[in-house]
Amino acid sequence: MNEQSFYQARKIMLESQIRPNKVIDELVLSAFSETPRELFVQKSMRDIAYIDEDLPLSNGRYLMEPMVLARLVQSLELTLSDNVMIIGVGTGYSAAIISKMVTSVIGIESRAPLIQKAESNLAQLDITNTVLFKERLQDGYIKEAPYNAILIDGGVSCVPNSILNQLAVDGKLVSIYRSESTAAGEASSWMRSGDKFSRTCLFNAQVPTLEEFKEKPEFQF
């Protein structure tokens, strides 16, 4: 596919996947229409970069289905002054999207090759308000906390308090929640109110669960 073909594929993604699925925020729509998704997948998968499925990257990371990511980003209700953390940033696609809508983005990734690819992609797009760090995903990046919004770019069966506590007052975290005992996944929002957190189901969705956010089995004696 050439550049014009990718442009048409991006337009089709917007009109057939994202808009029909309750994404109405013009800033979100604009960010998705301007960001070349094909840049963030393996070269062998560029021709299918815009299909409505999760696409494998490497080392257990996936590029989240466009519609699901768009609805999660919309649910964050981002403003220009926000400071956002993305956990499991992969090759940088979600960071590129969100960087167009806020002041600063902190991206966390534990795989060095993915960070290198993400940094290359963001530089190619001349994105300068995003900084990536190699850290354990479950630790986040407390040095830049608190965050107005946090996106965990993948599925979770639990969100540790060490992450939730990095939210600002009235901050919001979004991800796809699936407990180990159920097959169904729920796009969810965790809201902070004082020292307490509550989870709200936004819509049904399925993405692979990140290894770092799986519930650890309890020992039985």
N, C-alpha and C. Protein backbone atom coordinates (compact mmCIF):
# COMPACT_ATOMS: atom_id res chain seq x y z
N MET A 1 0.84 -1.20 0.00
CA MET A 1 0.00 0.00 0.00
C MET A 1 0.88 1.25 0.00
N ASN A 2 0.44 2.27 -0.73
CA ASN A 2 1.17 3.53 -0.73
C ASN A 2 0.53 4.52 0.23
N GLU A 3 1.12 5.72 0.32
CA GLU A 3 0.65 6.70 1.29
C GLU A 3 -0.82 7.06 1.09
N GLN A 4 -1.25 7.19 -0.16
CA GLN A 4 -2.64 7.51 -0.44
C GLN A 4 -3.57 6.38 0.01
N SER A 5 -3.14 5.15 -0.19
CA SER A 5 -3.95 4.00 0.24
C SER A 5 -4.10 3.96 1.75
N PHE A 6 -3.02 4.27 2.47
CA PHE A 6 -3.09 4.32 3.93
C PHE A 6 -4.03 5.45 4.38
N TYR A 7 -3.98 6.57 3.70
CA TYR A 7 -4.87 7.68 4.02
C TYR A 7 -6.34 7.26 3.87
N GLN A 8 -6.64 6.56 2.78
CA GLN A 8 -8.01 6.09 2.56
C GLN A 8 -8.41 5.06 3.61
N ALA A 9 -7.48 4.18 3.97
CA ALA A 9 -7.77 3.17 4.99
C ALA A 9 -8.05 3.84 6.33
N ARG A 10 -7.29 4.89 6.65
CA ARG A 10 -7.50 5.63 7.90
C ARG A 10 -8.88 6.30 7.90
N LYS A 11 -9.26 6.85 6.78
CA LYS A 11 -10.57 7.49 6.65
C LYS A 11 -11.70 6.47 6.82
N ILE A 12 -11.53 5.30 6.21
CA ILE A 12 -12.54 4.24 6.35
C ILE A 12 -12.63 3.78 7.80
N MET A 13 -11.47 3.62 8.47
CA MET A 13 -11.47 3.25 9.89
C MET A 13 -12.29 4.25 10.71
N LEU A 14 -12.09 5.52 10.43
CA LEU A 14 -12.79 6.56 11.18
C LEU A 14 -14.30 6.48 10.95
N GLU A 15 -14.71 6.30 9.68
CA GLU A 15 -16.13 6.38 9.34
C GLU A 15 -16.88 5.07 9.57
N SER A 16 -16.18 3.94 9.55
CA SER A 16 -16.89 2.65 9.68
C SER A 16 -16.70 1.98 11.04
N GLN A 17 -15.62 2.34 11.76
CA GLN A 17 -15.35 1.71 13.05
C GLN A 17 -15.56 2.66 14.23
N ILE A 18 -15.02 3.86 14.11
CA ILE A 18 -14.94 4.76 15.27
C ILE A 18 -16.19 5.62 15.42
N ARG A 19 -16.55 6.36 14.38
CA ARG A 19 -17.75 7.22 14.49
C ARG A 19 -19.03 6.43 14.82
N PRO A 20 -19.29 5.28 14.17
CA PRO A 20 -20.53 4.56 14.45
C PRO A 20 -20.60 3.98 15.87
N ASN A 21 -19.49 3.98 16.59
CA ASN A 21 -19.46 3.39 17.93
C ASN A 21 -19.35 4.45 19.02
N LYS A 22 -20.15 5.49 18.86
CA LYS A 22 -20.39 6.49 19.91
C LYS A 22 -19.19 7.40 20.20
N VAL A 23 -18.23 7.47 19.28
CA VAL A 23 -17.13 8.41 19.46
C VAL A 23 -17.51 9.70 18.74
N ILE A 24 -17.77 10.75 19.52
CA ILE A 24 -18.25 12.01 18.95
C ILE A 24 -17.34 13.19 19.26
N ASP A 25 -16.36 12.98 20.15
CA ASP A 25 -15.45 14.06 20.52
C ASP A 25 -14.57 14.41 19.31
N GLU A 26 -14.67 15.64 18.84
CA GLU A 26 -13.96 16.05 17.63
C GLU A 26 -12.45 16.01 17.81
N LEU A 27 -11.96 16.26 19.02
CA LEU A 27 -10.52 16.19 19.27
C LEU A 27 -10.03 14.75 19.13
N VAL A 28 -10.80 13.82 19.63
CA VAL A 28 -10.44 12.40 19.52
C VAL A 28 -10.47 11.98 18.05
N LEU A 29 -11.53 12.35 17.35
CA LEU A 29 -11.66 11.99 15.94
C LEU A 29 -10.52 12.58 15.11
N SER A 30 -10.16 13.81 15.41
CA SER A 30 -9.08 14.47 14.68
C SER A 30 -7.75 13.77 14.94
N ALA A 31 -7.50 13.40 16.20
CA ALA A 31 -6.24 12.73 16.54
C ALA A 31 -6.10 11.40 15.80
N PHE A 32 -7.18 10.64 15.72
CA PHE A 32 -7.14 9.36 15.02
C PHE A 32 -7.00 9.55 13.51
N SER A 33 -7.61 10.60 12.98
CA SER A 33 -7.53 10.83 11.54
C SER A 33 -6.15 11.31 11.11
N GLU A 34 -5.39 11.90 12.02
CA GLU A 34 -4.08 12.47 11.69
C GLU A 34 -2.91 11.52 11.98
N THR A 35 -3.17 10.43 12.68
CA THR A 35 -2.07 9.57 13.14
C THR A 35 -1.94 8.33 12.27
N PRO A 36 -0.81 8.13 11.61
CA PRO A 36 -0.62 6.99 10.70
C PRO A 36 -0.41 5.68 11.45
N ARG A 37 -1.47 4.95 11.65
CA ARG A 37 -1.44 3.71 12.43
C ARG A 37 -0.44 2.70 11.84
N GLU A 38 -0.26 2.72 10.53
CA GLU A 38 0.65 1.77 9.88
C GLU A 38 2.09 1.90 10.36
N LEU A 39 2.42 3.08 10.89
CA LEU A 39 3.78 3.31 11.38
C LEU A 39 4.09 2.50 12.64
N PHE A 40 3.04 2.09 13.36
CA PHE A 40 3.21 1.51 14.70
C PHE A 40 3.09 -0.01 14.72
N VAL A 41 2.95 -0.64 13.57
CA VAL A 41 2.88 -2.10 13.51
C VAL A 41 4.11 -2.63 12.78
N GLN A 42 4.30 -3.94 12.84
CA GLN A 42 5.38 -4.57 12.12
C GLN A 42 5.18 -4.36 10.61
N LYS A 43 6.28 -4.24 9.88
CA LYS A 43 6.18 -3.97 8.44
C LYS A 43 5.32 -4.99 7.72
N SER A 44 5.38 -6.23 8.18
CA SER A 44 4.60 -7.30 7.53
C SER A 44 3.10 -7.15 7.76
N MET A 45 2.70 -6.28 8.70
CA MET A 45 1.28 -6.13 9.04
C MET A 45 0.73 -4.77 8.63
N ARG A 46 1.52 -3.99 7.92
CA ARG A 46 1.06 -2.64 7.60
C ARG A 46 -0.20 -2.62 6.73
N ASP A 47 -0.32 -3.61 5.85
CA ASP A 47 -1.49 -3.64 4.98
C ASP A 47 -2.78 -3.90 5.74
N ILE A 48 -2.68 -4.43 6.96
CA ILE A 48 -3.89 -4.69 7.75
C ILE A 48 -3.91 -3.82 9.02
N ALA A 49 -3.16 -2.73 9.00
CA ALA A 49 -3.04 -1.88 10.20
C ALA A 49 -4.37 -1.30 10.65
N TYR A 50 -5.33 -1.17 9.72
CA TYR A 50 -6.57 -0.47 10.06
C TYR A 50 -7.77 -1.40 10.26
N ILE A 51 -7.54 -2.70 10.34
CA ILE A 51 -8.66 -3.60 10.61
C ILE A 51 -9.11 -3.44 12.06
N ASP A 52 -10.35 -3.85 12.32
CA ASP A 52 -10.92 -3.68 13.65
C ASP A 52 -10.60 -4.87 14.56
N GLU A 53 -9.31 -5.09 14.77
CA GLU A 53 -8.82 -6.15 15.65
C GLU A 53 -7.58 -5.67 16.38
N ASP A 54 -7.26 -6.33 17.50
CA ASP A 54 -5.99 -6.09 18.16
C ASP A 54 -4.89 -6.71 17.30
N LEU A 55 -3.79 -5.98 17.13
CA LEU A 55 -2.69 -6.49 16.31
C LEU A 55 -1.47 -6.76 17.19
N PRO A 56 -0.86 -7.95 17.06
CA PRO A 56 0.30 -8.28 17.91
C PRO A 56 1.52 -7.44 17.54
N LEU A 57 2.22 -6.98 18.57
CA LEU A 57 3.48 -6.27 18.39
C LEU A 57 4.60 -7.25 18.67
N SER A 58 5.00 -7.37 19.93
CA SER A 58 5.97 -8.39 20.36
C SER A 58 5.96 -8.43 21.87
N ASN A 59 6.49 -9.51 22.42
CA ASN A 59 6.63 -9.63 23.87
C ASN A 59 5.33 -9.40 24.64
N GLY A 60 4.23 -9.93 24.10
CA GLY A 60 2.96 -9.85 24.80
C GLY A 60 2.25 -8.51 24.71
N ARG A 61 2.70 -7.64 23.81
CA ARG A 61 2.05 -6.35 23.63
C ARG A 61 1.21 -6.38 22.34
N TYR A 62 0.12 -5.63 22.36
CA TYR A 62 -0.77 -5.55 21.22
C TYR A 62 -1.12 -4.10 20.93
N LEU A 63 -1.39 -3.82 19.65
CA LEU A 63 -1.97 -2.55 19.28
C LEU A 63 -3.47 -2.71 19.42
N MET A 64 -4.06 -1.96 20.35
CA MET A 64 -5.46 -2.13 20.68
C MET A 64 -6.36 -1.79 19.50
N GLU A 65 -7.45 -2.53 19.38
CA GLU A 65 -8.44 -2.27 18.34
C GLU A 65 -8.81 -0.78 18.31
N PRO A 66 -8.85 -0.14 17.14
CA PRO A 66 -9.07 1.31 17.06
C PRO A 66 -10.31 1.81 17.79
N MET A 67 -11.43 1.14 17.59
CA MET A 67 -12.67 1.59 18.22
C MET A 67 -12.58 1.57 19.73
N VAL A 68 -12.00 0.50 20.28
CA VAL A 68 -11.89 0.38 21.73
C VAL A 68 -10.99 1.48 22.29
N LEU A 69 -9.84 1.68 21.65
CA LEU A 69 -8.93 2.73 22.11
C LEU A 69 -9.60 4.10 22.01
N ALA A 70 -10.29 4.36 20.93
CA ALA A 70 -10.95 5.66 20.76
C ALA A 70 -11.98 5.92 21.85
N ARG A 71 -12.76 4.91 22.19
CA ARG A 71 -13.77 5.08 23.24
C ARG A 71 -13.12 5.27 24.61
N LEU A 72 -12.03 4.56 24.86
CA LEU A 72 -11.32 4.75 26.14
C LEU A 72 -10.77 6.17 26.24
N VAL A 73 -10.13 6.64 25.17
CA VAL A 73 -9.57 7.99 25.18
C VAL A 73 -10.68 9.02 25.36
N GLN A 74 -11.78 8.84 24.66
CA GLN A 74 -12.90 9.78 24.80
C GLN A 74 -13.40 9.82 26.24
N SER A 75 -13.46 8.66 26.89
CA SER A 75 -13.99 8.59 28.25
C SER A 75 -13.11 9.33 29.26
N LEU A 76 -11.85 9.58 28.91
CA LEU A 76 -10.96 10.31 29.81
C LEU A 76 -11.30 11.79 29.87
N GLU A 77 -12.04 12.28 28.88
CA GLU A 77 -12.46 13.69 28.84
C GLU A 77 -11.26 14.63 29.05
N LEU A 78 -10.26 14.42 28.22
CA LEU A 78 -9.00 15.14 28.35
C LEU A 78 -9.13 16.63 28.03
N THR A 79 -8.32 17.43 28.71
CA THR A 79 -8.22 18.86 28.41
C THR A 79 -6.76 19.19 28.12
N LEU A 80 -6.54 20.32 27.49
CA LEU A 80 -5.20 20.68 27.04
C LEU A 80 -4.18 20.74 28.18
N SER A 81 -4.62 21.09 29.38
CA SER A 81 -3.69 21.25 30.49
C SER A 81 -3.35 19.94 31.20
N ASP A 82 -3.93 18.83 30.78
CA ASP A 82 -3.76 17.57 31.50
C ASP A 82 -2.36 16.97 31.35
N ASN A 83 -1.96 16.27 32.43
CA ASN A 83 -0.75 15.47 32.46
C ASN A 83 -1.19 14.01 32.48
N VAL A 84 -0.76 13.23 31.48
CA VAL A 84 -1.30 11.88 31.29
C VAL A 84 -0.17 10.86 31.34
N MET A 85 -0.45 9.70 31.96
CA MET A 85 0.48 8.58 31.93
C MET A 85 -0.14 7.43 31.15
N ILE A 86 0.66 6.84 30.26
CA ILE A 86 0.24 5.66 29.52
C ILE A 86 1.13 4.50 29.95
N ILE A 87 0.53 3.43 30.42
CA ILE A 87 1.25 2.27 30.91
C ILE A 87 1.15 1.15 29.88
N GLY A 88 2.31 0.62 29.45
CA GLY A 88 2.32 -0.37 28.37
C GLY A 88 2.23 0.34 27.04
N VAL A 89 3.11 1.32 26.84
CA VAL A 89 2.99 2.21 25.68
C VAL A 89 3.33 1.53 24.36
N GLY A 90 3.96 0.35 24.42
CA GLY A 90 4.22 -0.40 23.19
C GLY A 90 5.06 0.39 22.20
N THR A 91 4.58 0.47 20.96
CA THR A 91 5.30 1.19 19.92
C THR A 91 4.89 2.66 19.83
N GLY A 92 4.01 3.10 20.75
CA GLY A 92 3.73 4.52 20.87
C GLY A 92 2.47 5.05 20.24
N TYR A 93 1.61 4.16 19.73
CA TYR A 93 0.41 4.65 19.03
C TYR A 93 -0.51 5.44 19.94
N SER A 94 -0.85 4.90 21.10
CA SER A 94 -1.77 5.62 22.01
C SER A 94 -1.12 6.92 22.49
N ALA A 95 0.20 6.92 22.66
CA ALA A 95 0.89 8.15 23.06
C ALA A 95 0.79 9.20 21.98
N ALA A 96 0.94 8.78 20.72
CA ALA A 96 0.82 9.72 19.61
C ALA A 96 -0.58 10.33 19.55
N ILE A 97 -1.59 9.51 19.78
CA ILE A 97 -2.98 9.99 19.78
C ILE A 97 -3.19 11.01 20.89
N ILE A 98 -2.85 10.64 22.10
CA ILE A 98 -3.15 11.48 23.26
C ILE A 98 -2.28 12.73 23.28
N SER A 99 -1.08 12.64 22.72
CA SER A 99 -0.18 13.81 22.73
C SER A 99 -0.78 15.00 22.00
N LYS A 100 -1.69 14.75 21.08
CA LYS A 100 -2.32 15.83 20.32
C LYS A 100 -3.39 16.56 21.11
N MET A 101 -3.71 16.03 22.32
CA MET A 101 -4.86 16.55 23.06
C MET A 101 -4.51 17.15 24.41
N VAL A 102 -3.25 16.99 24.87
CA VAL A 102 -2.88 17.38 26.22
C VAL A 102 -1.52 18.08 26.24
N THR A 103 -1.14 18.56 27.42
CA THR A 103 0.15 19.24 27.58
C THR A 103 1.32 18.27 27.58
N SER A 104 1.21 17.19 28.36
CA SER A 104 2.34 16.27 28.47
C SER A 104 1.88 14.83 28.65
N VAL A 105 2.70 13.92 28.12
CA VAL A 105 2.42 12.49 28.21
C VAL A 105 3.67 11.79 28.72
N ILE A 106 3.49 10.94 29.72
CA ILE A 106 4.55 10.06 30.21
C ILE A 106 4.19 8.64 29.77
N GLY A 107 5.09 7.99 29.06
CA GLY A 107 4.85 6.63 28.61
C GLY A 107 5.75 5.65 29.34
N ILE A 108 5.18 4.56 29.83
CA ILE A 108 5.93 3.54 30.57
C ILE A 108 5.93 2.24 29.77
N GLU A 109 7.09 1.66 29.63
CA GLU A 109 7.22 0.38 28.93
C GLU A 109 8.39 -0.38 29.54
N SER A 110 8.24 -1.68 29.70
CA SER A 110 9.29 -2.49 30.32
C SER A 110 10.20 -3.15 29.29
N ARG A 111 9.81 -3.14 28.02
CA ARG A 111 10.60 -3.78 26.96
C ARG A 111 11.42 -2.73 26.22
N ALA A 112 12.74 -2.81 26.33
CA ALA A 112 13.63 -1.82 25.71
C ALA A 112 13.44 -1.71 24.19
N PRO A 113 13.30 -2.84 23.45
CA PRO A 113 13.12 -2.70 22.00
C PRO A 113 11.85 -1.92 21.64
N LEU A 114 10.80 -2.09 22.43
CA LEU A 114 9.56 -1.36 22.16
C LEU A 114 9.73 0.13 22.43
N ILE A 115 10.45 0.46 23.49
CA ILE A 115 10.72 1.87 23.78
C ILE A 115 11.50 2.50 22.63
N GLN A 116 12.51 1.81 22.14
CA GLN A 116 13.30 2.33 21.04
C GLN A 116 12.44 2.57 19.80
N LYS A 117 11.54 1.63 19.52
CA LYS A 117 10.65 1.78 18.36
C LYS A 117 9.68 2.93 18.59
N ALA A 118 9.13 3.02 19.79
CA ALA A 118 8.19 4.10 20.10
C ALA A 118 8.86 5.46 19.99
N GLU A 119 10.07 5.58 20.51
CA GLU A 119 10.80 6.86 20.43
C GLU A 119 11.06 7.24 18.98
N SER A 120 11.40 6.26 18.16
CA SER A 120 11.64 6.51 16.74
C SER A 120 10.36 6.98 16.06
N ASN A 121 9.25 6.32 16.36
CA ASN A 121 7.97 6.68 15.75
C ASN A 121 7.55 8.10 16.14
N LEU A 122 7.66 8.42 17.42
CA LEU A 122 7.24 9.75 17.89
C LEU A 122 8.14 10.84 17.31
N ALA A 123 9.43 10.55 17.18
CA ALA A 123 10.35 11.52 16.58
C ALA A 123 10.01 11.75 15.12
N GLN A 124 9.65 10.67 14.43
CA GLN A 124 9.30 10.78 13.02
C GLN A 124 8.07 11.66 12.82
N LEU A 125 7.18 11.66 13.80
CA LEU A 125 5.97 12.47 13.74
C LEU A 125 6.15 13.84 14.39
N ASP A 126 7.39 14.11 14.82
CA ASP A 126 7.73 15.40 15.45
C ASP A 126 6.88 15.68 16.69
N ILE A 127 6.66 14.64 17.49
CA ILE A 127 5.93 14.77 18.75
C ILE A 127 6.94 15.03 19.86
N THR A 128 6.82 16.18 20.51
CA THR A 128 7.85 16.61 21.47
C THR A 128 7.35 16.71 22.91
N ASN A 129 6.06 16.45 23.14
CA ASN A 129 5.53 16.59 24.50
C ASN A 129 5.35 15.25 25.19
N THR A 130 6.03 14.23 24.70
CA THR A 130 5.93 12.88 25.26
C THR A 130 7.30 12.35 25.63
N VAL A 131 7.42 11.81 26.85
CA VAL A 131 8.68 11.23 27.32
C VAL A 131 8.42 9.79 27.74
N LEU A 132 9.29 8.88 27.31
CA LEU A 132 9.14 7.46 27.62
C LEU A 132 10.18 7.01 28.63
N PHE A 133 9.76 6.09 29.51
CA PHE A 133 10.67 5.56 30.53
C PHE A 133 10.57 4.04 30.56
N LYS A 134 11.72 3.40 30.74
CA LYS A 134 11.75 1.94 30.91
C LYS A 134 11.56 1.65 32.39
N GLU A 135 10.40 1.14 32.74
CA GLU A 135 10.05 0.84 34.13
C GLU A 135 9.15 -0.39 34.15
N ARG A 136 9.02 -1.00 35.32
CA ARG A 136 8.02 -2.05 35.47
C ARG A 136 6.64 -1.42 35.32
N LEU A 137 5.77 -2.07 34.55
CA LEU A 137 4.46 -1.48 34.31
C LEU A 137 3.67 -1.27 35.60
N GLN A 138 3.78 -2.22 36.50
CA GLN A 138 2.99 -2.16 37.73
C GLN A 138 3.46 -1.07 38.69
N ASP A 139 4.59 -0.43 38.37
CA ASP A 139 5.08 0.66 39.22
C ASP A 139 4.65 2.04 38.73
N GLY A 140 4.27 2.14 37.46
CA GLY A 140 3.97 3.46 36.92
C GLY A 140 5.20 4.33 36.92
N TYR A 141 5.01 5.63 37.15
CA TYR A 141 6.16 6.54 37.22
C TYR A 141 5.81 7.66 38.20
N ILE A 142 6.09 7.39 39.46
CA ILE A 142 5.63 8.27 40.53
C ILE A 142 6.34 9.64 40.51
N LYS A 143 7.50 9.71 39.87
CA LYS A 143 8.25 10.97 39.87
C LYS A 143 7.49 12.11 39.20
N GLU A 144 6.62 11.78 38.25
CA GLU A 144 5.86 12.82 37.55
C GLU A 144 4.40 12.88 38.00
N ALA A 145 4.04 12.08 39.01
CA ALA A 145 2.67 12.08 39.52
C ALA A 145 2.42 13.38 40.31
N PRO A 146 1.17 13.78 40.48
CA PRO A 146 -0.04 13.06 40.09
C PRO A 146 -0.42 13.31 38.63
N TYR A 147 -1.21 12.36 38.10
CA TYR A 147 -1.68 12.44 36.72
C TYR A 147 -3.18 12.72 36.69
N ASN A 148 -3.59 13.56 35.78
CA ASN A 148 -5.02 13.81 35.61
C ASN A 148 -5.71 12.60 35.00
N ALA A 149 -4.96 11.83 34.20
CA ALA A 149 -5.53 10.66 33.55
C ALA A 149 -4.44 9.62 33.35
N ILE A 150 -4.85 8.34 33.43
CA ILE A 150 -3.94 7.22 33.19
C ILE A 150 -4.64 6.25 32.25
N LEU A 151 -3.94 5.82 31.22
CA LEU A 151 -4.42 4.75 30.34
C LEU A 151 -3.50 3.55 30.51
N ILE A 152 -4.07 2.40 30.86
CA ILE A 152 -3.32 1.15 30.80
C ILE A 152 -3.65 0.53 29.45
N ASP A 153 -2.67 0.49 28.56
CA ASP A 153 -2.90 0.12 27.17
C ASP A 153 -2.86 -1.40 27.01
N GLY A 154 -3.92 -2.03 27.48
CA GLY A 154 -4.04 -3.48 27.45
C GLY A 154 -5.07 -3.90 28.49
N GLY A 155 -5.23 -5.21 28.66
CA GLY A 155 -6.19 -5.70 29.63
C GLY A 155 -5.59 -5.87 31.00
N VAL A 156 -6.45 -5.80 32.02
CA VAL A 156 -6.02 -5.98 33.41
C VAL A 156 -7.03 -6.87 34.13
N SER A 157 -6.54 -7.65 35.08
CA SER A 157 -7.45 -8.35 35.99
C SER A 157 -7.39 -7.72 37.38
N CYS A 158 -6.44 -6.80 37.55
CA CYS A 158 -6.36 -6.03 38.79
C CYS A 158 -5.52 -4.78 38.51
N VAL A 159 -5.80 -3.72 39.27
CA VAL A 159 -5.01 -2.49 39.19
C VAL A 159 -4.48 -2.22 40.59
N PRO A 160 -3.18 -2.29 40.80
CA PRO A 160 -2.63 -2.11 42.15
C PRO A 160 -2.80 -0.69 42.65
N ASN A 161 -2.90 -0.56 43.96
CA ASN A 161 -3.02 0.78 44.56
C ASN A 161 -1.82 1.66 44.24
N SER A 162 -0.67 1.04 44.00
CA SER A 162 0.51 1.83 43.66
C SER A 162 0.30 2.63 42.38
N ILE A 163 -0.55 2.14 41.50
CA ILE A 163 -0.91 2.87 40.28
C ILE A 163 -2.02 3.86 40.56
N LEU A 164 -3.08 3.40 41.21
CA LEU A 164 -4.24 4.27 41.48
C LEU A 164 -3.83 5.49 42.30
N ASN A 165 -2.89 5.31 43.20
CA ASN A 165 -2.47 6.43 44.05
C ASN A 165 -1.68 7.49 43.29
N GLN A 166 -1.35 7.23 42.05
CA GLN A 166 -0.68 8.24 41.23
C GLN A 166 -1.66 9.15 40.49
N LEU A 167 -2.96 8.89 40.67
CA LEU A 167 -3.98 9.76 40.10
C LEU A 167 -4.11 11.04 40.92
N ALA A 168 -4.37 12.13 40.23
CA ALA A 168 -4.69 13.39 40.90
C ALA A 168 -6.08 13.30 41.51
N VAL A 169 -6.40 14.24 42.37
CA VAL A 169 -7.76 14.32 42.91
C VAL A 169 -8.73 14.45 41.74
N ASP A 170 -9.78 13.64 41.74
CA ASP A 170 -10.76 13.58 40.65
C ASP A 170 -10.14 13.05 39.35
N GLY A 171 -8.97 12.40 39.45
CA GLY A 171 -8.35 11.81 38.27
C GLY A 171 -9.06 10.54 37.84
N LYS A 172 -8.73 10.08 36.64
CA LYS A 172 -9.43 8.92 36.07
C LYS A 172 -8.43 8.00 35.38
N LEU A 173 -8.60 6.69 35.60
CA LEU A 173 -7.81 5.66 34.93
C LEU A 173 -8.74 4.81 34.09
N VAL A 174 -8.32 4.46 32.87
CA VAL A 174 -9.13 3.59 32.03
C VAL A 174 -8.31 2.41 31.53
N SER A 175 -8.99 1.28 31.37
CA SER A 175 -8.38 0.08 30.83
C SER A 175 -9.50 -0.92 30.55
N ILE A 176 -9.12 -2.11 30.10
CA ILE A 176 -10.10 -3.19 29.90
C ILE A 176 -9.95 -4.18 31.04
N TYR A 177 -10.99 -4.31 31.83
CA TYR A 177 -10.96 -5.16 33.03
C TYR A 177 -11.59 -6.51 32.74
N ARG A 178 -10.89 -7.57 33.13
CA ARG A 178 -11.45 -8.92 33.07
C ARG A 178 -10.89 -9.71 34.23
N SER A 179 -11.77 -10.16 35.10
CA SER A 179 -11.32 -10.97 36.22
C SER A 179 -10.92 -12.34 35.71
N GLU A 180 -10.09 -13.03 36.48
CA GLU A 180 -9.61 -14.34 36.08
C GLU A 180 -10.73 -15.37 36.01
N SER A 181 -11.85 -15.09 36.65
CA SER A 181 -12.95 -16.06 36.71
C SER A 181 -14.00 -15.85 35.63
N THR A 182 -13.84 -14.82 34.79
CA THR A 182 -14.84 -14.56 33.75
C THR A 182 -14.18 -14.46 32.38
N ALA A 183 -14.97 -14.76 31.35
CA ALA A 183 -14.47 -14.69 29.98
C ALA A 183 -14.70 -13.31 29.38
N ALA A 184 -15.68 -12.59 29.91
CA ALA A 184 -16.05 -11.30 29.34
C ALA A 184 -15.15 -10.19 29.85
N GLY A 185 -14.87 -9.23 29.01
CA GLY A 185 -14.08 -8.07 29.40
C GLY A 185 -14.95 -6.82 29.44
N GLU A 186 -14.57 -5.87 30.27
CA GLU A 186 -15.31 -4.62 30.40
C GLU A 186 -14.36 -3.43 30.31
N ALA A 187 -14.57 -2.58 29.32
CA ALA A 187 -13.85 -1.32 29.33
C ALA A 187 -14.32 -0.56 30.56
N SER A 188 -13.37 -0.13 31.39
CA SER A 188 -13.73 0.40 32.70
C SER A 188 -12.99 1.69 33.01
N SER A 189 -13.60 2.45 33.91
CA SER A 189 -13.00 3.68 34.40
C SER A 189 -12.89 3.59 35.90
N TRP A 190 -11.70 3.88 36.43
CA TRP A 190 -11.49 3.97 37.87
C TRP A 190 -11.37 5.45 38.23
N MET A 191 -12.21 5.91 39.12
CA MET A 191 -12.21 7.31 39.51
C MET A 191 -11.68 7.47 40.93
N ARG A 192 -10.92 8.53 41.14
CA ARG A 192 -10.44 8.84 42.48
C ARG A 192 -11.30 9.91 43.11
N SER A 193 -11.72 9.66 44.34
CA SER A 193 -12.43 10.65 45.14
C SER A 193 -11.81 10.62 46.53
N GLY A 194 -10.95 11.59 46.82
CA GLY A 194 -10.22 11.56 48.08
C GLY A 194 -9.26 10.39 48.09
N ASP A 195 -9.37 9.53 49.10
CA ASP A 195 -8.50 8.36 49.20
C ASP A 195 -9.19 7.09 48.71
N LYS A 196 -10.36 7.23 48.11
CA LYS A 196 -11.12 6.07 47.67
C LYS A 196 -11.19 6.02 46.15
N PHE A 197 -11.36 4.78 45.64
CA PHE A 197 -11.43 4.56 44.20
C PHE A 197 -12.65 3.70 43.88
N SER A 198 -13.27 3.97 42.75
CA SER A 198 -14.42 3.18 42.33
C SER A 198 -14.30 2.86 40.85
N ARG A 199 -14.73 1.67 40.47
CA ARG A 199 -14.68 1.24 39.07
C ARG A 199 -16.07 1.27 38.46
N THR A 200 -16.18 1.79 37.24
CA THR A 200 -17.43 1.84 36.50
C THR A 200 -17.24 1.17 35.14
N CYS A 201 -18.15 0.27 34.79
CA CYS A 201 -18.09 -0.37 33.47
C CYS A 201 -18.60 0.62 32.42
N LEU A 202 -17.83 0.79 31.34
CA LEU A 202 -18.21 1.71 30.27
C LEU A 202 -18.88 0.99 29.11
N PHE A 203 -18.31 -0.14 28.70
CA PHE A 203 -18.86 -0.94 27.61
C PHE A 203 -18.12 -2.27 27.58
N ASN A 204 -18.64 -3.25 26.88
CA ASN A 204 -18.00 -4.55 26.78
C ASN A 204 -16.88 -4.51 25.74
N ALA A 205 -15.75 -5.12 26.08
CA ALA A 205 -14.62 -5.14 25.16
C ALA A 205 -13.67 -6.26 25.56
N GLN A 206 -12.91 -6.74 24.58
CA GLN A 206 -11.94 -7.80 24.83
C GLN A 206 -10.59 -7.40 24.27
N VAL A 207 -9.57 -7.40 25.09
CA VAL A 207 -8.19 -7.26 24.63
C VAL A 207 -7.34 -8.21 25.47
N PRO A 208 -6.19 -8.64 24.97
CA PRO A 208 -5.34 -9.52 25.77
C PRO A 208 -4.91 -8.85 27.07
N THR A 209 -4.88 -9.64 28.14
CA THR A 209 -4.50 -9.12 29.45
C THR A 209 -2.97 -9.03 29.55
N LEU A 210 -2.50 -7.89 30.03
CA LEU A 210 -1.07 -7.70 30.25
C LEU A 210 -0.60 -8.61 31.38
N GLU A 211 0.51 -9.28 31.19
CA GLU A 211 1.02 -10.22 32.19
C GLU A 211 1.22 -9.54 33.54
N GLU A 212 1.68 -8.28 33.51
CA GLU A 212 1.97 -7.55 34.75
C GLU A 212 0.72 -7.21 35.55
N PHE A 213 -0.45 -7.32 34.93
CA PHE A 213 -1.69 -6.95 35.63
C PHE A 213 -2.65 -8.13 35.75
N LYS A 214 -2.09 -9.32 35.78
CA LYS A 214 -2.89 -10.50 36.07
C LYS A 214 -2.90 -10.74 37.56
N GLU A 215 -4.02 -11.23 38.07
CA GLU A 215 -4.10 -11.55 39.49
C GLU A 215 -3.17 -12.71 39.79
N LYS A 216 -2.41 -12.57 40.88
CA LYS A 216 -1.51 -13.64 41.28
C LYS A 216 -2.30 -14.70 42.06
N PRO A 217 -2.11 -15.99 41.73
CA PRO A 217 -2.83 -17.04 42.45
C PRO A 217 -2.45 -17.06 43.93
N GLU A 218 -3.43 -17.31 44.75
CA GLU A 218 -3.19 -17.40 46.19
C GLU A 218 -2.69 -18.80 46.55
N PHE A 219 -1.75 -18.83 47.48
CA PHE A 219 -1.26 -20.12 47.94
C PHE A 219 -2.29 -20.75 48.88
N GLN A 220 -2.51 -22.03 48.71
CA GLN A 220 -3.43 -22.75 49.57
C GLN A 220 -2.66 -23.83 50.32
N PHE A 221 -2.97 -23.96 51.60
CA PHE A 221 -2.26 -24.93 52.45
C PHE A 221 -3.17 -26.10 52.78
